[in-house]
Amino acid sequence: MIARLHEIRCAGCLNTIEGALRRRGAESVKIDLGSHIVEVVYQGPASDADAYCAAVRATGYQATLLGVASQNPGADGTDG
């Protein structure tokens, strides 16, 4: 999933958000402080993206979901 983060200013903000996302079950979290974009890789249905945004909100920050890509490359029998 890709989301825009609001009101992040420092590495401490990033660490707080990343920790919350990993506790929720994220396999990979990439946050760009300059663009305020977070990319999260997780196993599960696309609808779980809302729960990841809720995990960010629980830390006191806001997240706007921008999109969800397939979380299981190759699940349809292809290599991705």
Protein backbone atom coordinates (compact mmCIF):
# COMPACT_ATOMS: atom_id res chain seq x y z
CA MET A 1 0.00 0.00 0.00
CA ILE A 2 1.05 3.57 -0.53
CA ALA A 3 -0.10 6.41 1.71
CA ARG A 4 0.68 10.06 2.31
CA LEU A 5 1.68 10.90 5.87
CA HIS A 6 0.80 14.26 7.37
CA GLU A 7 2.74 16.35 9.88
CA ILE A 8 5.87 14.19 9.98
CA ARG A 9 8.98 16.24 10.68
CA CYS A 10 11.84 14.09 11.92
CA ALA A 11 13.38 10.65 12.29
CA GLY A 12 11.51 10.20 15.56
CA CYS A 13 8.20 10.55 13.70
CA LEU A 14 9.36 7.97 11.17
CA ASN A 15 10.45 5.52 13.87
CA THR A 16 7.11 5.83 15.67
CA ILE A 17 5.13 5.21 12.48
CA GLU A 18 7.37 2.38 11.28
CA GLY A 19 7.11 0.65 14.65
CA ALA A 20 3.32 0.82 14.60
CA LEU A 21 3.17 -0.57 11.06
CA ARG A 22 5.54 -3.42 11.89
CA ARG A 23 3.55 -4.30 15.00
CA ARG A 24 0.47 -4.44 12.76
CA GLY A 25 2.29 -7.03 10.62
CA ALA A 26 4.09 -5.11 7.87
CA GLU A 27 6.89 -7.06 6.23
CA SER A 28 8.54 -3.95 4.81
CA VAL A 29 8.12 -0.24 5.51
CA LYS A 30 9.74 2.53 3.46
CA ILE A 31 9.09 6.14 4.45
CA ASP A 32 10.33 9.14 2.46
CA LEU A 33 10.51 12.15 4.78
CA GLY A 34 10.78 14.58 1.85
CA SER A 35 7.66 13.43 0.02
CA HIS A 36 5.81 12.18 3.14
CA ILE A 37 5.05 8.92 1.32
CA VAL A 38 5.06 5.52 3.03
CA GLU A 39 5.16 2.22 1.16
CA VAL A 40 4.09 -0.83 3.14
CA VAL A 41 4.38 -4.45 2.06
CA TYR A 42 2.18 -6.90 3.92
CA GLN A 43 0.51 -10.26 3.41
CA GLY A 44 -3.26 -10.12 3.27
CA PRO A 45 -6.13 -8.67 1.31
CA ALA A 46 -6.06 -5.16 -0.14
CA SER A 47 -8.76 -4.20 2.35
CA ASP A 48 -6.17 -4.52 5.15
CA ALA A 49 -4.68 -1.23 3.94
CA ASP A 50 -7.30 0.63 5.98
CA ALA A 51 -6.07 -1.13 9.12
CA TYR A 52 -2.51 0.01 8.40
CA CYS A 53 -3.71 3.61 8.02
CA ALA A 54 -5.57 3.19 11.32
CA ALA A 55 -2.32 2.00 12.94
CA VAL A 56 -0.67 5.25 11.82
CA ARG A 57 -3.58 7.31 13.16
CA ALA A 58 -3.28 5.51 16.51
CA THR A 59 0.21 7.04 16.85
CA GLY A 60 -1.23 10.55 16.50
CA TYR A 61 -0.31 11.08 12.85
CA GLN A 62 -2.62 11.14 9.84
CA ALA A 63 -2.32 8.90 6.78
CA THR A 64 -4.21 9.18 3.51
CA LEU A 65 -4.37 5.97 1.48
CA LEU A 66 -3.17 6.61 -2.08
CA GLY A 67 -3.24 3.10 -3.49
CA VAL A 68 -2.91 -0.61 -2.98
CA ALA A 69 -0.86 -2.92 -5.18
CA SER A 70 -1.00 -6.69 -5.22
CA GLN A 71 0.63 -7.95 -2.04
CA ASN A 72 1.29 -11.44 -3.42
CA PRO A 73 3.25 -11.31 -6.69
CA GLY A 74 2.95 -14.63 -8.44
CA ALA A 75 -0.19 -15.68 -6.56
CA ASP A 76 -2.01 -15.90 -9.88
CA GLY A 77 0.50 -18.45 -11.18
CA THR A 78 2.82 -15.92 -12.83
CA ASP A 79 6.17 -14.66 -11.64
CA GLY A 80 4.71 -11.30 -10.75
